[in-house]
Amino acid sequence: MRTTSKIAVLSLASGALLAAWLLTGDRKVRTRHFVTRNTVNLRKVQKTEDEKTFDDSEIYYI
């Protein structure tokens, strides 16, 4: 097995273990609140960035 494959398998396994640990017991409730709170904050940031963008889609030929 190549080194890249080993790293990929290790990262997937560690991510699965972390997710399983975070979603057990009363950590599940705290994790859910943390994720929803940060999702709401990201949506607010994304909304303000969308409002500030300027799209000049018309092409002006001289």
PDB file of N, CA and C in Angstrom:
ATOM      1  N   MET A   1       0.841  -1.163   0.000  1.00  0.00           N
ATOM      2  CA  MET A   1       0.000   0.000   0.000  1.00  0.00           C
ATOM      3  C   MET A   1       0.896   1.239   0.000  1.00  0.00           C
ATOM      4  N   ARG A   2       0.524   2.214  -0.790  1.00  0.00           N
ATOM      5  CA  ARG A   2       1.318   3.437  -0.862  1.00  0.00           C
ATOM      6  C   ARG A   2       1.063   4.325   0.349  1.00  0.00           C
ATOM      7  N   THR A   3       1.960   5.249   0.523  1.00  0.00           N
ATOM      8  CA  THR A   3       1.858   6.160   1.665  1.00  0.00           C
ATOM      9  C   THR A   3       0.598   7.011   1.573  1.00  0.00           C
ATOM     10  N   THR A   4       0.253   7.451   0.378  1.00  0.00           N
ATOM     11  CA  THR A   4      -0.941   8.274   0.201  1.00  0.00           C
ATOM     12  C   THR A   4      -2.192   7.501   0.594  1.00  0.00           C
ATOM     13  N   SER A   5      -2.250   6.249   0.218  1.00  0.00           N
ATOM     14  CA  SER A   5      -3.402   5.425   0.571  1.00  0.00           C
ATOM     15  C   SER A   5      -3.482   5.209   2.071  1.00  0.00           C
ATOM     16  N   LYS A   6      -2.350   5.017   2.704  1.00  0.00           N
ATOM     17  CA  LYS A   6      -2.330   4.828   4.149  1.00  0.00           C
ATOM     18  C   LYS A   6      -2.830   6.079   4.866  1.00  0.00           C
ATOM     19  N   ILE A   7      -2.389   7.222   4.400  1.00  0.00           N
ATOM     20  CA  ILE A   7      -2.808   8.483   5.010  1.00  0.00           C
ATOM     21  C   ILE A   7      -4.303   8.687   4.817  1.00  0.00           C
ATOM     22  N   ALA A   8      -4.824   8.366   3.634  1.00  0.00           N
ATOM     23  CA  ALA A   8      -6.251   8.521   3.362  1.00  0.00           C
ATOM     24  C   ALA A   8      -7.076   7.607   4.257  1.00  0.00           C
ATOM     25  N   VAL A   9      -6.670   6.365   4.402  1.00  0.00           N
ATOM     26  CA  VAL A   9      -7.405   5.423   5.243  1.00  0.00           C
ATOM     27  C   VAL A   9      -7.334   5.851   6.702  1.00  0.00           C
ATOM     28  N   LEU A  10      -6.183   6.296   7.146  1.00  0.00           N
ATOM     29  CA  LEU A  10      -6.030   6.752   8.519  1.00  0.00           C
ATOM     30  C   LEU A  10      -6.883   7.978   8.802  1.00  0.00           C
ATOM     31  N   SER A  11      -6.937   8.920   7.870  1.00  0.00           N
ATOM     32  CA  SER A  11      -7.736  10.122   8.090  1.00  0.00           C
ATOM     33  C   SER A  11      -9.229   9.797   8.099  1.00  0.00           C
ATOM     34  N   LEU A  12      -9.670   8.887   7.246  1.00  0.00           N
ATOM     35  CA  LEU A  12     -11.076   8.498   7.260  1.00  0.00           C
ATOM     36  C   LEU A  12     -11.443   7.803   8.567  1.00  0.00           C
ATOM     37  N   ALA A  13     -10.566   6.927   9.025  1.00  0.00           N
ATOM     38  CA  ALA A  13     -10.830   6.205  10.265  1.00  0.00           C
ATOM     39  C   ALA A  13     -10.845   7.151  11.460  1.00  0.00           C
ATOM     40  N   SER A  14      -9.916   8.079  11.493  1.00  0.00           N
ATOM     41  CA  SER A  14      -9.883   9.013  12.616  1.00  0.00           C
ATOM     42  C   SER A  14     -11.082   9.958  12.578  1.00  0.00           C
ATOM     43  N   GLY A  15     -11.520  10.343  11.386  1.00  0.00           N
ATOM     44  CA  GLY A  15     -12.714  11.175  11.279  1.00  0.00           C
ATOM     45  C   GLY A  15     -13.953  10.444  11.739  1.00  0.00           C
ATOM     46  N   ALA A  16     -14.047   9.163  11.422  1.00  0.00           N
ATOM     47  CA  ALA A  16     -15.187   8.363  11.867  1.00  0.00           C
ATOM     48  C   ALA A  16     -15.178   8.198  13.382  1.00  0.00           C
ATOM     49  N   LEU A  17     -14.007   7.980  13.944  1.00  0.00           N
ATOM     50  CA  LEU A  17     -13.917   7.865  15.403  1.00  0.00           C
ATOM     51  C   LEU A  17     -14.279   9.176  16.099  1.00  0.00           C
ATOM     52  N   LEU A  18     -13.824  10.277  15.556  1.00  0.00           N
ATOM     53  CA  LEU A  18     -14.158  11.579  16.136  1.00  0.00           C
ATOM     54  C   LEU A  18     -15.653  11.842  16.061  1.00  0.00           C
ATOM     55  N   ALA A  19     -16.263  11.545  14.919  1.00  0.00           N
ATOM     56  CA  ALA A  19     -17.710  11.734  14.783  1.00  0.00           C
ATOM     57  C   ALA A  19     -18.474  10.846  15.755  1.00  0.00           C
ATOM     58  N   ALA A  20     -18.045   9.602  15.910  1.00  0.00           N
ATOM     59  CA  ALA A  20     -18.715   8.695  16.844  1.00  0.00           C
ATOM     60  C   ALA A  20     -18.576   9.196  18.273  1.00  0.00           C
ATOM     61  N   TRP A  21     -17.426   9.714  18.635  1.00  0.00           N
ATOM     62  CA  TRP A  21     -17.211  10.222  19.997  1.00  0.00           C
ATOM     63  C   TRP A  21     -18.052  11.469  20.248  1.00  0.00           C
ATOM     64  N   LEU A  22     -18.110  12.370  19.235  1.00  0.00           N
ATOM     65  CA  LEU A  22     -18.859  13.609  19.419  1.00  0.00           C
ATOM     66  C   LEU A  22     -20.362  13.367  19.486  1.00  0.00           C
ATOM     67  N   LEU A  23     -20.840  12.300  18.878  1.00  0.00           N
ATOM     68  CA  LEU A  23     -22.279  12.070  18.813  1.00  0.00           C
ATOM     69  C   LEU A  23     -22.774  11.036  19.815  1.00  0.00           C
ATOM     70  N   THR A  24     -22.039  10.825  20.894  1.00  0.00           N
ATOM     71  CA  THR A  24     -22.489   9.898  21.924  1.00  0.00           C
ATOM     72  C   THR A  24     -22.720  10.654  23.221  1.00  0.00           C
ATOM     73  N   GLY A  25     -23.706  10.194  23.975  1.00  0.00           N
ATOM     74  CA  GLY A  25     -23.982  10.773  25.285  1.00  0.00           C
ATOM     75  C   GLY A  25     -24.495  12.197  25.202  1.00  0.00           C
ATOM     76  N   ASP A  26     -24.189  12.997  26.229  1.00  0.00           N
ATOM     77  CA  ASP A  26     -24.652  14.385  26.233  1.00  0.00           C
ATOM     78  C   ASP A  26     -23.785  15.274  25.336  1.00  0.00           C
ATOM     79  N   ARG A  27     -22.692  14.731  24.811  1.00  0.00           N
ATOM     80  CA  ARG A  27     -21.914  15.483  23.829  1.00  0.00           C
ATOM     81  C   ARG A  27     -22.708  15.671  22.546  1.00  0.00           C
ATOM     82  N   LYS A  28     -23.657  14.763  22.299  1.00  0.00           N
ATOM     83  CA  LYS A  28     -24.476  14.857  21.090  1.00  0.00           C
ATOM     84  C   LYS A  28     -25.264  16.164  21.078  1.00  0.00           C
ATOM     85  N   VAL A  29     -25.853  16.507  22.204  1.00  0.00           N
ATOM     86  CA  VAL A  29     -26.640  17.732  22.300  1.00  0.00           C
ATOM     87  C   VAL A  29     -25.740  18.953  22.143  1.00  0.00           C
ATOM     88  N   ARG A  30     -24.610  18.946  22.840  1.00  0.00           N
ATOM     89  CA  ARG A  30     -23.685  20.084  22.751  1.00  0.00           C
ATOM     90  C   ARG A  30     -23.113  20.223  21.351  1.00  0.00           C
ATOM     91  N   THR A  31     -22.807  19.098  20.705  1.00  0.00           N
ATOM     92  CA  THR A  31     -22.284  19.152  19.340  1.00  0.00           C
ATOM     93  C   THR A  31     -23.329  19.692  18.388  1.00  0.00           C
ATOM     94  N   ARG A  32     -24.572  19.261  18.552  1.00  0.00           N
ATOM     95  CA  ARG A  32     -25.646  19.736  17.681  1.00  0.00           C
ATOM     96  C   ARG A  32     -25.840  21.244  17.836  1.00  0.00           C
ATOM     97  N   HIS A  33     -25.835  21.742  19.078  1.00  0.00           N
ATOM     98  CA  HIS A  33     -25.976  23.181  19.307  1.00  0.00           C
ATOM     99  C   HIS A  33     -24.796  23.944  18.714  1.00  0.00           C
ATOM    100  N   PHE A  34     -23.596  23.418  18.866  1.00  0.00           N
ATOM    101  CA  PHE A  34     -22.406  24.069  18.326  1.00  0.00           C
ATOM    102  C   PHE A  34     -22.484  24.165  16.806  1.00  0.00           C
ATOM    103  N   VAL A  35     -22.879  23.078  16.160  1.00  0.00           N
ATOM    104  CA  VAL A  35     -22.939  23.063  14.695  1.00  0.00           C
ATOM    105  C   VAL A  35     -24.031  23.999  14.188  1.00  0.00           C
ATOM    106  N   THR A  36     -25.196  23.979  14.798  1.00  0.00           N
ATOM    107  CA  THR A  36     -26.275  24.857  14.339  1.00  0.00           C
ATOM    108  C   THR A  36     -25.939  26.322  14.574  1.00  0.00           C
ATOM    109  N   ARG A  37     -25.306  26.632  15.708  1.00  0.00           N
ATOM    110  CA  ARG A  37     -24.944  28.020  15.983  1.00  0.00           C
ATOM    111  C   ARG A  37     -23.936  28.525  14.947  1.00  0.00           C
ATOM    112  N   ASN A  38     -22.935  27.714  14.626  1.00  0.00           N
ATOM    113  CA  ASN A  38     -21.943  28.142  13.652  1.00  0.00           C
ATOM    114  C   ASN A  38     -22.502  28.165  12.239  1.00  0.00           C
ATOM    115  N   THR A  39     -23.473  27.310  11.938  1.00  0.00           N
ATOM    116  CA  THR A  39     -24.109  27.344  10.630  1.00  0.00           C
ATOM    117  C   THR A  39     -24.880  28.643  10.452  1.00  0.00           C
ATOM    118  N   VAL A  40     -25.582  29.062  11.484  1.00  0.00           N
ATOM    119  CA  VAL A  40     -26.328  30.317  11.416  1.00  0.00           C
ATOM    120  C   VAL A  40     -25.360  31.479  11.222  1.00  0.00           C
ATOM    121  N   ASN A  41     -24.238  31.473  11.925  1.00  0.00           N
ATOM    122  CA  ASN A  41     -23.251  32.541  11.780  1.00  0.00           C
ATOM    123  C   ASN A  41     -22.660  32.557  10.375  1.00  0.00           C
ATOM    124  N   LEU A  42     -22.388  31.386   9.813  1.00  0.00           N
ATOM    125  CA  LEU A  42     -21.843  31.333   8.451  1.00  0.00           C
ATOM    126  C   LEU A  42     -22.845  31.841   7.427  1.00  0.00           C
ATOM    127  N   ARG A  43     -24.117  31.532   7.629  1.00  0.00           N
ATOM    128  CA  ARG A  43     -25.144  32.025   6.705  1.00  0.00           C
ATOM    129  C   ARG A  43     -25.246  33.543   6.769  1.00  0.00           C
ATOM    130  N   LYS A  44     -25.113  34.116   7.960  1.00  0.00           N
ATOM    131  CA  LYS A  44     -25.146  35.574   8.089  1.00  0.00           C
ATOM    132  C   LYS A  44     -23.966  36.201   7.359  1.00  0.00           C
ATOM    133  N   VAL A  45     -22.784  35.614   7.520  1.00  0.00           N
ATOM    134  CA  VAL A  45     -21.591  36.133   6.852  1.00  0.00           C
ATOM    135  C   VAL A  45     -21.735  36.003   5.345  1.00  0.00           C
ATOM    136  N   GLN A  46     -22.249  34.885   4.890  1.00  0.00           N
ATOM    137  CA  GLN A  46     -22.410  34.665   3.456  1.00  0.00           C
ATOM    138  C   GLN A  46     -23.432  35.638   2.881  1.00  0.00           C
ATOM    139  N   LYS A  47     -24.489  35.915   3.620  1.00  0.00           N
ATOM    140  CA  LYS A  47     -25.516  36.830   3.142  1.00  0.00           C
ATOM    141  C   LYS A  47     -24.946  38.238   2.999  1.00  0.00           C
ATOM    142  N   THR A  48     -24.134  38.688   3.957  1.00  0.00           N
ATOM    143  CA  THR A  48     -23.561  40.027   3.864  1.00  0.00           C
ATOM    144  C   THR A  48     -22.536  40.105   2.745  1.00  0.00           C
ATOM    145  N   GLU A  49     -21.805  39.015   2.481  1.00  0.00           N
ATOM    146  CA  GLU A  49     -20.851  39.022   1.373  1.00  0.00           C
ATOM    147  C   GLU A  49     -21.575  39.052   0.042  1.00  0.00           C
ATOM    148  N   ASP A  50     -22.716  38.374  -0.061  1.00  0.00           N
ATOM    149  CA  ASP A  50     -23.485  38.369  -1.302  1.00  0.00           C
ATOM    150  C   ASP A  50     -24.049  39.745  -1.599  1.00  0.00           C
ATOM    151  N   GLU A  51     -24.415  40.479  -0.571  1.00  0.00           N
ATOM    152  CA  GLU A  51     -24.958  41.811  -0.767  1.00  0.00           C
ATOM    153  C   GLU A  51     -23.892  42.796  -1.219  1.00  0.00           C
ATOM    154  N   LYS A  52     -22.651  42.579  -0.843  1.00  0.00           N
ATOM    155  CA  LYS A  52     -21.578  43.505  -1.168  1.00  0.00           C
ATOM    156  C   LYS A  52     -20.981  43.281  -2.554  1.00  0.00           C
ATOM    157  N   THR A  53     -21.223  42.129  -3.161  1.00  0.00           N
ATOM    158  CA  THR A  53     -20.608  41.843  -4.454  1.00  0.00           C
ATOM    159  C   THR A  53     -21.255  42.662  -5.547  1.00  0.00           C
ATOM    160  N   PHE A  54     -20.466  42.996  -6.548  1.00  0.00           N
ATOM    161  CA  PHE A  54     -20.932  43.771  -7.688  1.00  0.00           C
ATOM    162  C   PHE A  54     -20.715  42.936  -8.931  1.00  0.00           C
ATOM    163  N   ASP A  55     -21.774  42.688  -9.652  1.00  0.00           N
ATOM    164  CA  ASP A  55     -21.690  41.868 -10.848  1.00  0.00           C
ATOM    165  C   ASP A  55     -21.937  42.748 -12.057  1.00  0.00           C
ATOM    166  N   ASP A  56     -20.886  43.016 -12.793  1.00  0.00           N
ATOM    167  CA  ASP A  56     -21.006  43.798 -14.010  1.00  0.00           C
ATOM    168  C   ASP A  56     -20.965  42.819 -15.174  1.00  0.00           C
ATOM    169  N   SER A  57     -22.124  42.266 -15.490  1.00  0.00           N
ATOM    170  CA  SER A  57     -22.173  41.219 -16.498  1.00  0.00           C
ATOM    171  C   SER A  57     -22.274  41.769 -17.922  1.00  0.00           C
ATOM    172  N   GLU A  58     -22.522  43.064 -18.064  1.00  0.00           N
ATOM    173  CA  GLU A  58     -22.600  43.631 -19.412  1.00  0.00           C
ATOM    174  C   GLU A  58     -21.190  43.910 -19.932  1.00  0.00           C
ATOM    175  N   ILE A  59     -21.022  43.655 -21.201  1.00  0.00           N
ATOM    176  CA  ILE A  59     -19.734  43.882 -21.848  1.00  0.00           C
ATOM    177  C   ILE A  59     -19.846  45.159 -22.666  1.00  0.00           C
ATOM    178  N   TYR A  60     -18.886  46.036 -22.460  1.00  0.00           N
ATOM    179  CA  TYR A  60     -18.893  47.309 -23.174  1.00  0.00           C
ATOM    180  C   TYR A  60     -17.827  47.265 -24.254  1.00  0.00           C
ATOM    181  N   TYR A  61     -18.249  47.461 -25.496  1.00  0.00           N
ATOM    182  CA  TYR A  61     -17.307  47.487 -26.610  1.00  0.00           C
ATOM    183  C   TYR A  61     -17.109  48.931 -27.043  1.00  0.00           C
ATOM    184  N   ILE A  62     -15.876  49.245 -27.368  1.00  0.00           N
ATOM    185  CA  ILE A  62     -15.564  50.599 -27.824  1.00  0.00           C
ATOM    186  C   ILE A  62     -15.344  50.572 -29.320  1.00  0.00           C
TER     187      ILE A  62
END
